[in-house]
Amino acid sequence: MTNSDRSHASNKGDSRTQAGTRRRGFAGMDPERQRQIASMGGRAAHESGNAHEFTTEEARAAGRKGGEAVSRNREHMAAIGRRGGEASCSGENGSRREGPAKPQAAAGRHNRGTD
């Protein structure tokens, strides 16, 4: 067994990335422990008055600003449009809907071809 094999075999239980480097600090913790720490930080920020909660107007303005920044990138917007067009043409079952949707039968009546 080579040194590389030994190190990979002995590292099954520790927190290593695919590249083999050891994750340290917050990233190396159990996800549940990360949640606990983040929760404590959030509570402390609210208690000290440092936490910011957006009003509806602030959120609207931030969204508008982000949308304007994204829409300046014409290549990105064209790619989004292409993906949307491809998705609407294929539909969920791969068939393309053409024309208006067919009206549904009246409630309680089933058309079994025996009219």
C-alpha atoms as a PDB file:
ATOM      1  CA  MET A   1       0.000   0.000   0.000  1.00  0.00           C
ATOM      2  CA  THR A   2       1.454   3.391  -0.979  1.00  0.00           C
ATOM      3  CA  ASN A   3       1.488   6.456   1.266  1.00  0.00           C
ATOM      4  CA  SER A   4      -1.255   7.964  -0.883  1.00  0.00           C
ATOM      5  CA  ASP A   5      -3.428   4.870  -0.441  1.00  0.00           C
ATOM      6  CA  ARG A   6      -2.837   4.877   3.316  1.00  0.00           C
ATOM      7  CA  SER A   7      -3.754   8.534   3.662  1.00  0.00           C
ATOM      8  CA  HIS A   8      -6.963   8.077   1.647  1.00  0.00           C
ATOM      9  CA  ALA A   9      -7.925   4.939   3.557  1.00  0.00           C
ATOM     10  CA  SER A  10      -7.354   6.533   6.955  1.00  0.00           C
ATOM     11  CA  ASN A  11      -9.229   9.727   6.078  1.00  0.00           C
ATOM     12  CA  LYS A  12     -12.670   8.227   5.551  1.00  0.00           C
ATOM     13  CA  GLY A  13     -14.000   9.640   8.806  1.00  0.00           C
ATOM     14  CA  ASP A  14     -12.431  13.095   8.714  1.00  0.00           C
ATOM     15  CA  SER A  15     -13.526  16.131   6.782  1.00  0.00           C
ATOM     16  CA  ARG A  16     -11.480  16.222   3.580  1.00  0.00           C
ATOM     17  CA  THR A  17     -12.381  17.595   0.188  1.00  0.00           C
ATOM     18  CA  GLN A  18     -12.015  15.635  -3.042  1.00  0.00           C
ATOM     19  CA  ALA A  19      -8.604  17.222  -3.644  1.00  0.00           C
ATOM     20  CA  GLY A  20      -7.411  15.708  -0.359  1.00  0.00           C
ATOM     21  CA  THR A  21      -6.926  18.980   1.518  1.00  0.00           C
ATOM     22  CA  ARG A  22      -8.266  19.080   5.019  1.00  0.00           C
ATOM     23  CA  ARG A  23     -11.248  21.342   5.675  1.00  0.00           C
ATOM     24  CA  ARG A  24     -10.575  23.492   8.708  1.00  0.00           C
ATOM     25  CA  GLY A  25     -12.609  25.677  11.012  1.00  0.00           C
ATOM     26  CA  PHE A  26     -16.261  26.314  10.254  1.00  0.00           C
ATOM     27  CA  ALA A  27     -16.167  24.399   6.943  1.00  0.00           C
ATOM     28  CA  GLY A  28     -14.879  21.275   8.676  1.00  0.00           C
ATOM     29  CA  MET A  29     -17.666  21.191  11.253  1.00  0.00           C
ATOM     30  CA  ASP A  30     -20.732  19.030  11.247  1.00  0.00           C
ATOM     31  CA  PRO A  31     -23.584  20.827   9.373  1.00  0.00           C
ATOM     32  CA  GLU A  32     -25.778  20.729  12.489  1.00  0.00           C
ATOM     33  CA  ARG A  33     -23.061  22.444  14.547  1.00  0.00           C
ATOM     34  CA  GLN A  34     -22.674  25.070  11.788  1.00  0.00           C
ATOM     35  CA  ARG A  35     -26.433  25.762  12.010  1.00  0.00           C
ATOM     36  CA  GLN A  36     -26.232  26.156  15.789  1.00  0.00           C
ATOM     37  CA  ILE A  37     -23.382  28.652  15.567  1.00  0.00           C
ATOM     38  CA  ALA A  38     -25.049  30.640  12.782  1.00  0.00           C
ATOM     39  CA  SER A  39     -28.265  30.747  14.780  1.00  0.00           C
ATOM     40  CA  MET A  40     -26.472  32.110  17.825  1.00  0.00           C
ATOM     41  CA  GLY A  41     -24.843  34.793  15.659  1.00  0.00           C
ATOM     42  CA  GLY A  42     -28.195  35.799  14.198  1.00  0.00           C
ATOM     43  CA  ARG A  43     -29.776  36.100  17.615  1.00  0.00           C
ATOM     44  CA  ALA A  44     -26.852  38.164  18.916  1.00  0.00           C
ATOM     45  CA  ALA A  45     -27.059  40.524  15.919  1.00  0.00           C
ATOM     46  CA  HIS A  46     -30.769  41.119  16.518  1.00  0.00           C
ATOM     47  CA  GLU A  47     -30.246  41.703  20.240  1.00  0.00           C
ATOM     48  CA  SER A  48     -27.466  44.221  19.620  1.00  0.00           C
ATOM     49  CA  GLY A  49     -29.422  46.011  16.898  1.00  0.00           C
ATOM     50  CA  ASN A  50     -26.922  45.220  14.144  1.00  0.00           C
ATOM     51  CA  ALA A  51     -29.253  42.964  12.158  1.00  0.00           C
ATOM     52  CA  HIS A  52     -30.972  44.646   9.241  1.00  0.00           C
ATOM     53  CA  GLU A  53     -34.431  43.637   8.107  1.00  0.00           C
ATOM     54  CA  PHE A  54     -35.504  44.939   4.723  1.00  0.00           C
ATOM     55  CA  THR A  55     -38.754  46.834   4.376  1.00  0.00           C
ATOM     56  CA  THR A  56     -40.886  46.076   1.341  1.00  0.00           C
ATOM     57  CA  GLU A  57     -39.634  49.231  -0.359  1.00  0.00           C
ATOM     58  CA  GLU A  58     -35.967  48.436   0.339  1.00  0.00           C
ATOM     59  CA  ALA A  59     -36.377  44.898  -0.974  1.00  0.00           C
ATOM     60  CA  ARG A  60     -38.119  46.170  -4.110  1.00  0.00           C
ATOM     61  CA  ALA A  61     -35.326  48.693  -4.750  1.00  0.00           C
ATOM     62  CA  ALA A  62     -32.629  46.043  -4.234  1.00  0.00           C
ATOM     63  CA  GLY A  63     -34.370  43.657  -6.628  1.00  0.00           C
ATOM     64  CA  ARG A  64     -34.714  46.376  -9.241  1.00  0.00           C
ATOM     65  CA  LYS A  65     -31.031  47.274  -8.898  1.00  0.00           C
ATOM     66  CA  GLY A  66     -29.990  43.621  -9.283  1.00  0.00           C
ATOM     67  CA  GLY A  67     -32.249  43.165 -12.296  1.00  0.00           C
ATOM     68  CA  GLU A  68     -30.777  46.230 -13.974  1.00  0.00           C
ATOM     69  CA  ALA A  69     -27.246  44.967 -13.379  1.00  0.00           C
ATOM     70  CA  VAL A  70     -28.032  41.535 -14.836  1.00  0.00           C
ATOM     71  CA  SER A  71     -29.909  42.900 -17.823  1.00  0.00           C
ATOM     72  CA  ARG A  72     -26.860  44.958 -18.879  1.00  0.00           C
ATOM     73  CA  ASN A  73     -25.151  41.696 -19.824  1.00  0.00           C
ATOM     74  CA  ARG A  74     -26.776  41.053 -23.227  1.00  0.00           C
ATOM     75  CA  GLU A  75     -25.133  37.633 -23.697  1.00  0.00           C
ATOM     76  CA  HIS A  76     -26.476  36.431 -20.366  1.00  0.00           C
ATOM     77  CA  MET A  77     -29.993  37.694 -21.138  1.00  0.00           C
ATOM     78  CA  ALA A  78     -29.915  36.015 -24.571  1.00  0.00           C
ATOM     79  CA  ALA A  79     -28.903  32.727 -22.948  1.00  0.00           C
ATOM     80  CA  ILE A  80     -31.768  32.997 -20.457  1.00  0.00           C
ATOM     81  CA  GLY A  81     -34.209  33.636 -23.308  1.00  0.00           C
ATOM     82  CA  ARG A  82     -32.909  30.643 -25.259  1.00  0.00           C
ATOM     83  CA  ARG A  83     -33.304  28.316 -22.275  1.00  0.00           C
ATOM     84  CA  GLY A  84     -36.822  29.598 -21.664  1.00  0.00           C
ATOM     85  CA  GLY A  85     -37.755  29.100 -25.310  1.00  0.00           C
ATOM     86  CA  GLU A  86     -36.353  25.587 -25.333  1.00  0.00           C
ATOM     87  CA  ALA A  87     -38.245  24.707 -22.156  1.00  0.00           C
ATOM     88  CA  SER A  88     -41.562  26.073 -23.432  1.00  0.00           C
ATOM     89  CA  CYS A  89     -41.232  24.169 -26.711  1.00  0.00           C
ATOM     90  CA  SER A  90     -40.468  20.821 -25.130  1.00  0.00           C
ATOM     91  CA  GLY A  91     -42.994  20.916 -22.279  1.00  0.00           C
ATOM     92  CA  GLU A  92     -42.873  18.458 -19.424  1.00  0.00           C
ATOM     93  CA  ASN A  93     -43.691  15.388 -21.503  1.00  0.00           C
ATOM     94  CA  GLY A  94     -41.716  16.434 -24.556  1.00  0.00           C
ATOM     95  CA  SER A  95     -44.766  17.272 -26.665  1.00  0.00           C
ATOM     96  CA  ARG A  96     -45.446  20.714 -28.064  1.00  0.00           C
ATOM     97  CA  ARG A  97     -48.835  22.262 -27.349  1.00  0.00           C
ATOM     98  CA  GLU A  98     -50.385  23.929 -30.326  1.00  0.00           C
ATOM     99  CA  GLY A  99     -53.501  26.038 -30.335  1.00  0.00           C
ATOM    100  CA  PRO A 100     -55.836  26.677 -27.421  1.00  0.00           C
ATOM    101  CA  ALA A 101     -56.272  24.089 -24.718  1.00  0.00           C
ATOM    102  CA  LYS A 102     -59.159  21.659 -25.195  1.00  0.00           C
ATOM    103  CA  PRO A 103     -62.193  22.332 -22.977  1.00  0.00           C
ATOM    104  CA  GLN A 104     -62.634  19.835 -20.184  1.00  0.00           C
ATOM    105  CA  ALA A 105     -65.769  17.683 -19.856  1.00  0.00           C
ATOM    106  CA  ALA A 106     -68.471  18.893 -17.475  1.00  0.00           C
ATOM    107  CA  ALA A 107     -68.082  17.764 -13.887  1.00  0.00           C
ATOM    108  CA  GLY A 108     -69.644  14.402 -13.160  1.00  0.00           C
ATOM    109  CA  ARG A 109     -69.806  13.328 -16.836  1.00  0.00           C
ATOM    110  CA  HIS A 110     -67.310  10.853 -18.195  1.00  0.00           C
ATOM    111  CA  ASN A 111     -66.968  10.283 -21.906  1.00  0.00           C
ATOM    112  CA  ARG A 112     -66.350   6.569 -22.298  1.00  0.00           C
ATOM    113  CA  GLY A 113     -67.218   6.434 -25.979  1.00  0.00           C
ATOM    114  CA  THR A 114     -70.689   4.968 -25.314  1.00  0.00           C
ATOM    115  CA  ASP A 115     -72.743   8.068 -26.205  1.00  0.00           C
END
